[in-house]
Amino acid sequence: MRYCGDVSTLFPARLRQGLKNLKEVVIDSCKSLEEVFELGEADEGSSKEKELPLLSSLTKLRLSRLPEVKCIWKGPTRHVSLQSLAHLSLNSLDKLAFIFTPSLAQSLPKLERLFISKCGELKHIIREEDGEREIIPESPYFPQLKTLLISHCGKLEYVFPVFVSLTLQGLPQLQTLEIKTCGELKHIIREEDGEREIIPESRFPELKTIIIEECGKLEYVLPVSVSPSLLNLEEMRIFEAHNLKQIIYSGEGDALTVGLLPLCAAIIEHLQPIF
């Protein structure tokens, strides 16, 4: 759908039953659109509601040039499952502040590609507060994610909150991590000083490529808990990361080479001295 005039909600709550059958949604250049899916409340006593959650058939979602969109899913997400979604692409959503609630992010067993670009107000991919339903620490986030590309998100503070690292599997299929022109990004995996002690060994066994460009506030690339799992890392390219002090944060020692023995090619330019 393109050029949809003055429409502020594309899928209003009265059409919520139709959300179960949607397979692909592509929206481009709708200048007045403020939210994509208005979810509303479930019908009480409906057994079918439980059997087939909203958006459970959606495989592809591509949103582009939607300058007024503040949220993708408006309303409670406890009856929503993105269990079939494999490809999510967001481009030029100028007012979007976050993409997923934590519980919604745990309903993505098939997501393989996540592309985010030119979302100027985006601070968090996963919002940390979620009062809708219980977060299950053992339930993995993004278990099939293979490619993550983020660019020109000037207010993004971190990519993954700490509770993503607390899941049992980490990001077991991630192969490519590319982040460009995110001026406020400080961490890829956010962890406070007190949290470093509770983060288990995070697993990125398939990660092959890391590309970081123009992330002027990034302090380090990954925490030391990740380094033992980087067995397939082949390429690391870092440009214009002036605040980078360590590649692998360990607090001490040789921060560049810990856990990076398989690395075949590393190009690192325009950094502070890291030794």
C-alpha atoms as a PDB file:
ATOM      1  CA  MET A   1       0.000   0.000   0.000  1.00  0.00           C
ATOM      2  CA  ARG A   2       1.322   3.423  -0.941  1.00  0.00           C
ATOM      3  CA  TYR A   3       0.172   7.024  -0.620  1.00  0.00           C
ATOM      4  CA  CYS A   4      -2.789   6.332   1.684  1.00  0.00           C
ATOM      5  CA  GLY A   5      -3.868   9.933   2.174  1.00  0.00           C
ATOM      6  CA  ASP A   6      -5.079  11.059   5.599  1.00  0.00           C
ATOM      7  CA  VAL A   7      -5.455   7.573   7.112  1.00  0.00           C
ATOM      8  CA  SER A   8      -4.053   7.527  10.672  1.00  0.00           C
ATOM      9  CA  THR A   9      -4.591   3.800  11.424  1.00  0.00           C
ATOM     10  CA  LEU A  10      -4.323   1.297   8.613  1.00  0.00           C
ATOM     11  CA  PHE A  11      -5.696  -1.737  10.486  1.00  0.00           C
ATOM     12  CA  PRO A  12      -8.229  -0.424  13.058  1.00  0.00           C
ATOM     13  CA  ALA A  13      -9.438  -2.556  15.981  1.00  0.00           C
ATOM     14  CA  ARG A  14     -12.773  -3.359  14.310  1.00  0.00           C
ATOM     15  CA  LEU A  15     -10.845  -5.340  11.672  1.00  0.00           C
ATOM     16  CA  ARG A  16      -8.728  -7.216  14.204  1.00  0.00           C
ATOM     17  CA  GLN A  17     -10.066 -10.666  13.227  1.00  0.00           C
ATOM     18  CA  GLY A  18      -8.614 -10.190   9.751  1.00  0.00           C
ATOM     19  CA  LEU A  19      -5.136  -9.813  11.252  1.00  0.00           C
ATOM     20  CA  LYS A  20      -5.011 -13.586  11.738  1.00  0.00           C
ATOM     21  CA  ASN A  21      -4.900 -14.170   7.965  1.00  0.00           C
ATOM     22  CA  LEU A  22      -2.420 -11.480   6.896  1.00  0.00           C
ATOM     23  CA  LYS A  23       0.723 -12.920   5.307  1.00  0.00           C
ATOM     24  CA  GLU A  24       2.556  -9.890   3.892  1.00  0.00           C
ATOM     25  CA  VAL A  25       2.247  -6.203   4.684  1.00  0.00           C
ATOM     26  CA  VAL A  26       4.122  -3.560   2.675  1.00  0.00           C
ATOM     27  CA  ILE A  27       3.375   0.115   3.404  1.00  0.00           C
ATOM     28  CA  ASP A  28       5.204   3.017   1.791  1.00  0.00           C
ATOM     29  CA  SER A  29       4.834   6.804   1.851  1.00  0.00           C
ATOM     30  CA  CYS A  30       1.736   7.237   4.021  1.00  0.00           C
ATOM     31  CA  LYS A  31       2.445  10.637   5.528  1.00  0.00           C
ATOM     32  CA  SER A  32      -0.457  10.757   8.028  1.00  0.00           C
ATOM     33  CA  LEU A  33      -0.235   7.203   9.362  1.00  0.00           C
ATOM     34  CA  GLU A  34       0.372   7.125  13.143  1.00  0.00           C
ATOM     35  CA  GLU A  35       0.047   3.417  13.954  1.00  0.00           C
ATOM     36  CA  VAL A  36      -0.089   0.330  11.765  1.00  0.00           C
ATOM     37  CA  PHE A  37      -2.008  -2.258  13.824  1.00  0.00           C
ATOM     38  CA  GLU A  38      -4.636  -1.162  16.344  1.00  0.00           C
ATOM     39  CA  LEU A  39      -5.078  -4.290  18.424  1.00  0.00           C
ATOM     40  CA  GLY A  40      -7.890  -3.575  20.860  1.00  0.00           C
ATOM     41  CA  GLU A  41      -9.099  -6.120  23.406  1.00  0.00           C
ATOM     42  CA  ALA A  42      -9.880  -9.785  22.732  1.00  0.00           C
ATOM     43  CA  ASP A  43     -13.468 -11.017  22.762  1.00  0.00           C
ATOM     44  CA  GLU A  44     -14.181 -12.648  26.099  1.00  0.00           C
ATOM     45  CA  GLY A  45     -14.868 -16.361  26.018  1.00  0.00           C
ATOM     46  CA  SER A  46     -13.579 -16.827  22.496  1.00  0.00           C
ATOM     47  CA  SER A  47     -11.699 -20.121  22.250  1.00  0.00           C
ATOM     48  CA  LYS A  48     -10.688 -19.393  18.655  1.00  0.00           C
ATOM     49  CA  GLU A  49      -8.892 -16.265  19.888  1.00  0.00           C
ATOM     50  CA  LYS A  50      -6.583 -18.487  21.887  1.00  0.00           C
ATOM     51  CA  GLU A  51      -6.100 -21.013  19.099  1.00  0.00           C
ATOM     52  CA  LEU A  52      -5.013 -18.506  16.449  1.00  0.00           C
ATOM     53  CA  PRO A  53      -3.315 -15.347  17.794  1.00  0.00           C
ATOM     54  CA  LEU A  54      -3.384 -12.090  15.874  1.00  0.00           C
ATOM     55  CA  LEU A  55      -0.725 -11.699  13.162  1.00  0.00           C
ATOM     56  CA  SER A  56       0.239 -15.354  13.530  1.00  0.00           C
ATOM     57  CA  SER A  57       0.334 -15.849   9.720  1.00  0.00           C
ATOM     58  CA  LEU A  58       2.380 -12.722   8.951  1.00  0.00           C
ATOM     59  CA  THR A  59       5.664 -13.642   7.235  1.00  0.00           C
ATOM     60  CA  LYS A  60       6.870 -10.273   5.895  1.00  0.00           C
ATOM     61  CA  LEU A  61       6.469  -6.723   7.189  1.00  0.00           C
ATOM     62  CA  ARG A  62       8.048  -3.804   5.346  1.00  0.00           C
ATOM     63  CA  LEU A  63       7.364  -0.220   6.403  1.00  0.00           C
ATOM     64  CA  SER A  64       8.949   2.729   4.582  1.00  0.00           C
ATOM     65  CA  ARG A  65       8.670   6.516   4.684  1.00  0.00           C
ATOM     66  CA  LEU A  66       6.059   6.818   7.417  1.00  0.00           C
ATOM     67  CA  PRO A  67       7.059  10.078   9.134  1.00  0.00           C
ATOM     68  CA  GLU A  68       4.212  10.145  11.725  1.00  0.00           C
ATOM     69  CA  VAL A  69       4.228   6.514  12.876  1.00  0.00           C
ATOM     70  CA  LYS A  70       4.864   6.379  16.622  1.00  0.00           C
ATOM     71  CA  CYS A  71       4.110   2.693  17.177  1.00  0.00           C
ATOM     72  CA  ILE A  72       3.657  -0.348  14.975  1.00  0.00           C
ATOM     73  CA  TRP A  73       1.298  -2.202  17.318  1.00  0.00           C
ATOM     74  CA  LYS A  74      -1.052  -0.068  19.400  1.00  0.00           C
ATOM     75  CA  GLY A  75      -2.764  -1.693  22.354  1.00  0.00           C
ATOM     76  CA  PRO A  76      -2.214  -4.906  24.333  1.00  0.00           C
ATOM     77  CA  THR A  77      -0.030  -7.481  22.588  1.00  0.00           C
ATOM     78  CA  ARG A  78      -0.877 -10.479  24.781  1.00  0.00           C
ATOM     79  CA  HIS A  79      -3.082 -11.917  22.010  1.00  0.00           C
ATOM     80  CA  VAL A  80      -0.460 -11.277  19.323  1.00  0.00           C
ATOM     81  CA  SER A  81       2.124 -13.736  18.056  1.00  0.00           C
ATOM     82  CA  LEU A  82       4.665 -13.039  15.331  1.00  0.00           C
ATOM     83  CA  GLN A  83       5.402 -16.745  15.082  1.00  0.00           C
ATOM     84  CA  SER A  84       5.632 -16.757  11.259  1.00  0.00           C
ATOM     85  CA  LEU A  85       7.449 -13.455  10.705  1.00  0.00           C
ATOM     86  CA  ALA A  86      10.710 -14.039   8.825  1.00  0.00           C
ATOM     87  CA  HIS A  87      11.574 -10.611   7.387  1.00  0.00           C
ATOM     88  CA  LEU A  88      11.094  -7.223   9.038  1.00  0.00           C
ATOM     89  CA  SER A  89      12.273  -4.029   7.334  1.00  0.00           C
ATOM     90  CA  LEU A  90      11.772  -0.529   8.747  1.00  0.00           C
ATOM     91  CA  ASN A  91      12.930   2.545   6.847  1.00  0.00           C
ATOM     92  CA  SER A  92      12.337   6.233   7.601  1.00  0.00           C
ATOM     93  CA  LEU A  93       9.924   5.923  10.521  1.00  0.00           C
ATOM     94  CA  ASP A  94      10.910   9.274  11.971  1.00  0.00           C
ATOM     95  CA  LYS A  95       8.936   9.149  15.242  1.00  0.00           C
ATOM     96  CA  LEU A  96       9.230   5.462  16.157  1.00  0.00           C
ATOM     97  CA  ALA A  97      10.757   5.138  19.654  1.00  0.00           C
ATOM     98  CA  PHE A  98      10.834   1.313  19.982  1.00  0.00           C
ATOM     99  CA  ILE A  99       9.899  -1.752  17.908  1.00  0.00           C
ATOM    100  CA  PHE A 100       8.992  -4.612  20.260  1.00  0.00           C
ATOM    101  CA  THR A 101       7.794  -5.104  23.805  1.00  0.00           C
ATOM    102  CA  PRO A 102       9.869  -7.840  25.527  1.00  0.00           C
ATOM    103  CA  SER A 103       7.013 -10.358  25.393  1.00  0.00           C
ATOM    104  CA  LEU A 104       6.369  -9.663  21.709  1.00  0.00           C
ATOM    105  CA  ALA A 105      10.066 -10.112  20.976  1.00  0.00           C
ATOM    106  CA  GLN A 106       9.773 -13.597  22.457  1.00  0.00           C
ATOM    107  CA  SER A 107       7.163 -14.532  19.845  1.00  0.00           C
ATOM    108  CA  LEU A 108       9.609 -14.389  16.915  1.00  0.00           C
ATOM    109  CA  PRO A 109      10.869 -17.960  16.421  1.00  0.00           C
ATOM    110  CA  LYS A 110      11.316 -17.587  12.643  1.00  0.00           C
ATOM    111  CA  LEU A 111      12.666 -14.056  12.201  1.00  0.00           C
ATOM    112  CA  GLU A 112      15.769 -14.301   9.984  1.00  0.00           C
ATOM    113  CA  ARG A 113      16.360 -10.764   8.711  1.00  0.00           C
ATOM    114  CA  LEU A 114      15.911  -7.497  10.570  1.00  0.00           C
ATOM    115  CA  PHE A 115      16.703  -4.271   8.709  1.00  0.00           C
ATOM    116  CA  ILE A 116      16.328  -0.883  10.411  1.00  0.00           C
ATOM    117  CA  SER A 117      17.333   2.417   8.818  1.00  0.00           C
ATOM    118  CA  LYS A 118      16.658   6.126   9.197  1.00  0.00           C
ATOM    119  CA  CYS A 119      14.498   5.861  12.310  1.00  0.00           C
ATOM    120  CA  GLY A 120      15.616   9.106  13.909  1.00  0.00           C
ATOM    121  CA  GLU A 121      13.783   8.779  17.256  1.00  0.00           C
ATOM    122  CA  LEU A 122      14.428   5.067  17.798  1.00  0.00           C
ATOM    123  CA  LYS A 123      16.070   4.569  21.200  1.00  0.00           C
ATOM    124  CA  HIS A 124      15.451   0.870  21.828  1.00  0.00           C
ATOM    125  CA  ILE A 125      14.697  -2.094  19.594  1.00  0.00           C
ATOM    126  CA  ILE A 126      13.098  -3.868  22.566  1.00  0.00           C
ATOM    127  CA  ARG A 127      11.351  -1.714  25.128  1.00  0.00           C
ATOM    128  CA  GLU A 128      12.436  -2.761  28.605  1.00  0.00           C
ATOM    129  CA  GLU A 129       9.113  -2.239  30.405  1.00  0.00           C
ATOM    130  CA  ASP A 130       6.387  -4.771  29.750  1.00  0.00           C
ATOM    131  CA  GLY A 131       3.451  -5.009  32.135  1.00  0.00           C
ATOM    132  CA  GLU A 132       1.262  -7.121  29.869  1.00  0.00           C
ATOM    133  CA  ARG A 133       2.478 -10.623  30.591  1.00  0.00           C
ATOM    134  CA  GLU A 134       5.293 -12.419  32.314  1.00  0.00           C
ATOM    135  CA  ILE A 135       8.690 -12.526  30.645  1.00  0.00           C
ATOM    136  CA  ILE A 136      10.137 -16.049  30.652  1.00  0.00           C
ATOM    137  CA  PRO A 137      13.956 -15.806  30.951  1.00  0.00           C
ATOM    138  CA  GLU A 138      14.448 -19.257  29.399  1.00  0.00           C
ATOM    139  CA  SER A 139      12.450 -18.330  26.304  1.00  0.00           C
ATOM    140  CA  PRO A 140      14.928 -17.228  23.598  1.00  0.00           C
ATOM    141  CA  TYR A 141      14.867 -13.969  21.684  1.00  0.00           C
ATOM    142  CA  PHE A 142      15.477 -14.125  17.913  1.00  0.00           C
ATOM    143  CA  PRO A 143      16.561 -17.808  17.801  1.00  0.00           C
ATOM    144  CA  GLN A 144      16.697 -17.825  13.958  1.00  0.00           C
ATOM    145  CA  LEU A 145      17.974 -14.290  13.343  1.00  0.00           C
ATOM    146  CA  LYS A 146      20.770 -14.454  10.764  1.00  0.00           C
ATOM    147  CA  THR A 147      21.193 -10.868   9.562  1.00  0.00           C
ATOM    148  CA  LEU A 148      20.854  -7.657  11.570  1.00  0.00           C
ATOM    149  CA  LEU A 149      21.458  -4.372   9.743  1.00  0.00           C
ATOM    150  CA  ILE A 150      20.984  -1.011  11.486  1.00  0.00           C
ATOM    151  CA  SER A 151      21.857   2.355   9.963  1.00  0.00           C
ATOM    152  CA  HIS A 152      21.197   6.058  10.531  1.00  0.00           C
ATOM    153  CA  CYS A 153      19.364   5.708  13.835  1.00  0.00           C
ATOM    154  CA  GLY A 154      20.812   8.729  15.570  1.00  0.00           C
ATOM    155  CA  LYS A 155      19.250   8.185  19.016  1.00  0.00           C
ATOM    156  CA  LEU A 156      19.694   4.412  19.364  1.00  0.00           C
ATOM    157  CA  GLU A 157      21.385   3.792  22.722  1.00  0.00           C
ATOM    158  CA  TYR A 158      21.978   0.036  22.512  1.00  0.00           C
ATOM    159  CA  VAL A 159      20.916  -2.901  20.345  1.00  0.00           C
ATOM    160  CA  PHE A 160      20.038  -5.615  22.877  1.00  0.00           C
ATOM    161  CA  PRO A 161      19.061  -5.141  26.537  1.00  0.00           C
ATOM    162  CA  VAL A 162      20.685  -7.342  29.151  1.00  0.00           C
ATOM    163  CA  PHE A 163      17.776  -9.800  29.368  1.00  0.00           C
ATOM    164  CA  VAL A 164      18.467 -10.976  25.806  1.00  0.00           C
ATOM    165  CA  SER A 165      21.846 -12.216  27.044  1.00  0.00           C
ATOM    166  CA  LEU A 166      20.173 -13.911  29.991  1.00  0.00           C
ATOM    167  CA  THR A 167      18.302 -16.337  27.757  1.00  0.00           C
ATOM    168  CA  LEU A 168      19.762 -19.808  27.345  1.00  0.00           C
ATOM    169  CA  GLN A 169      20.626 -19.619  23.646  1.00  0.00           C
ATOM    170  CA  GLY A 170      21.758 -16.050  23.045  1.00  0.00           C
ATOM    171  CA  LEU A 171      21.608 -15.430  19.277  1.00  0.00           C
ATOM    172  CA  PRO A 172      22.585 -18.878  17.994  1.00  0.00           C
ATOM    173  CA  GLN A 173      22.073 -18.248  14.254  1.00  0.00           C
ATOM    174  CA  LEU A 174      23.296 -14.658  13.881  1.00  0.00           C
ATOM    175  CA  GLN A 175      25.840 -14.457  11.044  1.00  0.00           C
ATOM    176  CA  THR A 176      26.036 -10.763  10.125  1.00  0.00           C
ATOM    177  CA  LEU A 177      25.901  -7.771  12.458  1.00  0.00           C
ATOM    178  CA  GLU A 178      26.194  -4.395  10.725  1.00  0.00           C
ATOM    179  CA  ILE A 179      25.665  -1.057  12.460  1.00  0.00           C
ATOM    180  CA  LYS A 180      26.290   2.270  10.724  1.00  0.00           C
ATOM    181  CA  THR A 181      25.827   5.917  11.642  1.00  0.00           C
ATOM    182  CA  CYS A 182      24.283   5.533  15.089  1.00  0.00           C
ATOM    183  CA  GLY A 183      25.779   8.495  16.911  1.00  0.00           C
ATOM    184  CA  GLU A 184      24.352   7.770  20.396  1.00  0.00           C
ATOM    185  CA  LEU A 185      25.100   4.035  20.439  1.00  0.00           C
ATOM    186  CA  LYS A 186      27.213   3.126  23.475  1.00  0.00           C
ATOM    187  CA  HIS A 187      26.736  -0.641  23.684  1.00  0.00           C
ATOM    188  CA  ILE A 188      25.581  -3.439  21.428  1.00  0.00           C
ATOM    189  CA  ILE A 189      24.585  -5.521  24.447  1.00  0.00           C
ATOM    190  CA  ARG A 190      23.596  -3.175  27.249  1.00  0.00           C
ATOM    191  CA  GLU A 191      24.878  -4.123  30.674  1.00  0.00           C
ATOM    192  CA  GLU A 192      25.303  -2.007  33.760  1.00  0.00           C
ATOM    193  CA  ASP A 193      28.259  -2.438  36.087  1.00  0.00           C
ATOM    194  CA  GLY A 194      26.219  -4.542  38.501  1.00  0.00           C
ATOM    195  CA  GLU A 195      24.853  -6.728  35.712  1.00  0.00           C
ATOM    196  CA  ARG A 196      28.184  -7.910  34.348  1.00  0.00           C
ATOM    197  CA  GLU A 197      28.460 -10.415  37.157  1.00  0.00           C
ATOM    198  CA  ILE A 198      25.133 -12.128  36.373  1.00  0.00           C
ATOM    199  CA  ILE A 199      25.432 -12.383  32.586  1.00  0.00           C
ATOM    200  CA  PRO A 200      26.198 -15.988  31.628  1.00  0.00           C
ATOM    201  CA  GLU A 201      28.364 -16.922  28.683  1.00  0.00           C
ATOM    202  CA  SER A 202      26.459 -15.530  25.706  1.00  0.00           C
ATOM    203  CA  ARG A 203      26.535 -17.600  22.547  1.00  0.00           C
ATOM    204  CA  PHE A 204      27.105 -16.277  19.035  1.00  0.00           C
ATOM    205  CA  PRO A 205      28.477 -19.460  17.448  1.00  0.00           C
ATOM    206  CA  GLU A 206      27.589 -18.576  13.832  1.00  0.00           C
ATOM    207  CA  LEU A 207      28.636 -14.916  13.845  1.00  0.00           C
ATOM    208  CA  LYS A 208      30.957 -14.347  10.874  1.00  0.00           C
ATOM    209  CA  THR A 209      30.892 -10.607  10.149  1.00  0.00           C
ATOM    210  CA  ILE A 210      30.846  -7.519  12.353  1.00  0.00           C
ATOM    211  CA  ILE A 211      30.795  -4.099  10.680  1.00  0.00           C
ATOM    212  CA  ILE A 212      30.683  -0.897  12.726  1.00  0.00           C
ATOM    213  CA  GLU A 213      30.819   2.536  11.084  1.00  0.00           C
ATOM    214  CA  GLU A 214      30.341   6.057  12.433  1.00  0.00           C
ATOM    215  CA  CYS A 215      29.281   5.118  15.951  1.00  0.00           C
ATOM    216  CA  GLY A 216      31.121   7.873  17.778  1.00  0.00           C
ATOM    217  CA  LYS A 217      30.045   6.985  21.338  1.00  0.00           C
ATOM    218  CA  LEU A 218      30.517   3.209  21.186  1.00  0.00           C
ATOM    219  CA  GLU A 219      32.724   2.184  24.117  1.00  0.00           C
ATOM    220  CA  TYR A 220      33.300  -1.477  23.201  1.00  0.00           C
ATOM    221  CA  VAL A 221      31.912  -3.963  20.696  1.00  0.00           C
ATOM    222  CA  LEU A 222      30.964  -6.979  22.827  1.00  0.00           C
ATOM    223  CA  PRO A 223      31.295  -8.060  26.474  1.00  0.00           C
ATOM    224  CA  VAL A 224      33.843 -10.715  27.398  1.00  0.00           C
ATOM    225  CA  SER A 225      31.049 -13.239  28.025  1.00  0.00           C
ATOM    226  CA  VAL A 226      30.567 -13.404  24.249  1.00  0.00           C
ATOM    227  CA  SER A 227      34.182 -14.046  23.251  1.00  0.00           C
ATOM    228  CA  PRO A 228      34.353 -17.841  23.855  1.00  0.00           C
ATOM    229  CA  SER A 229      31.501 -18.379  21.391  1.00  0.00           C
ATOM    230  CA  LEU A 230      33.028 -16.401  18.481  1.00  0.00           C
ATOM    231  CA  LEU A 231      34.420 -19.523  16.846  1.00  0.00           C
ATOM    232  CA  ASN A 232      33.393 -18.609  13.298  1.00  0.00           C
ATOM    233  CA  LEU A 233      34.164 -14.890  13.272  1.00  0.00           C
ATOM    234  CA  GLU A 234      35.921 -14.119   9.986  1.00  0.00           C
ATOM    235  CA  GLU A 235      35.635 -10.386   9.433  1.00  0.00           C
ATOM    236  CA  MET A 236      35.544  -7.314  11.655  1.00  0.00           C
ATOM    237  CA  ARG A 237      35.487  -3.807  10.202  1.00  0.00           C
ATOM    238  CA  ILE A 238      35.342  -0.772  12.451  1.00  0.00           C
ATOM    239  CA  PHE A 239      35.495   2.789  11.139  1.00  0.00           C
ATOM    240  CA  GLU A 240      34.976   6.180  12.784  1.00  0.00           C
ATOM    241  CA  ALA A 241      34.408   4.901  16.325  1.00  0.00           C
ATOM    242  CA  HIS A 242      36.364   7.592  18.135  1.00  0.00           C
ATOM    243  CA  ASN A 243      35.291   6.652  21.655  1.00  0.00           C
ATOM    244  CA  LEU A 244      36.013   2.926  21.317  1.00  0.00           C
ATOM    245  CA  LYS A 245      38.343   1.856  24.116  1.00  0.00           C
ATOM    246  CA  GLN A 246      38.134  -1.932  23.828  1.00  0.00           C
ATOM    247  CA  ILE A 247      36.905  -4.432  21.255  1.00  0.00           C
ATOM    248  CA  ILE A 248      35.980  -7.126  23.766  1.00  0.00           C
ATOM    249  CA  TYR A 249      35.233  -5.597  27.156  1.00  0.00           C
ATOM    250  CA  SER A 250      37.076  -7.469  29.851  1.00  0.00           C
ATOM    251  CA  GLY A 251      38.069  -4.618  32.130  1.00  0.00           C
ATOM    252  CA  GLU A 252      41.722  -5.482  31.793  1.00  0.00           C
ATOM    253  CA  GLY A 253      44.285  -7.305  29.682  1.00  0.00           C
ATOM    254  CA  ASP A 254      44.562  -7.578  25.924  1.00  0.00           C
ATOM    255  CA  ALA A 255      41.081  -6.472  25.003  1.00  0.00           C
ATOM    256  CA  LEU A 256      41.539  -6.854  21.247  1.00  0.00           C
ATOM    257  CA  THR A 257      42.630 -10.459  20.935  1.00  0.00           C
ATOM    258  CA  VAL A 258      40.701 -12.257  23.685  1.00  0.00           C
ATOM    259  CA  GLY A 259      38.468 -14.828  22.000  1.00  0.00           C
ATOM    260  CA  LEU A 260      39.213 -13.611  18.461  1.00  0.00           C
ATOM    261  CA  LEU A 261      41.678 -16.227  17.265  1.00  0.00           C
ATOM    262  CA  PRO A 262      39.552 -17.369  14.279  1.00  0.00           C
ATOM    263  CA  LEU A 263      39.392 -13.801  12.946  1.00  0.00           C
ATOM    264  CA  CYS A 264      40.723 -13.692   9.373  1.00  0.00           C
ATOM    265  CA  ALA A 265      40.381 -10.010   8.513  1.00  0.00           C
ATOM    266  CA  ALA A 266      40.217  -6.999  10.784  1.00  0.00           C
ATOM    267  CA  ILE A 267      40.171  -3.400   9.595  1.00  0.00           C
ATOM    268  CA  ILE A 268      40.048  -0.894  12.422  1.00  0.00           C
ATOM    269  CA  GLU A 269      40.467   2.805  11.713  1.00  0.00           C
ATOM    270  CA  HIS A 270      40.093   6.163  13.471  1.00  0.00           C
ATOM    271  CA  LEU A 271      39.991   4.907  17.038  1.00  0.00           C
ATOM    272  CA  GLN A 272      41.536   5.885  20.317  1.00  0.00           C
ATOM    273  CA  PRO A 273      44.556   3.779  21.248  1.00  0.00           C
ATOM    274  CA  ILE A 274      43.153   0.551  22.731  1.00  0.00           C
ATOM    275  CA  PHE A 275      46.305  -0.785  24.363  1.00  0.00           C
END
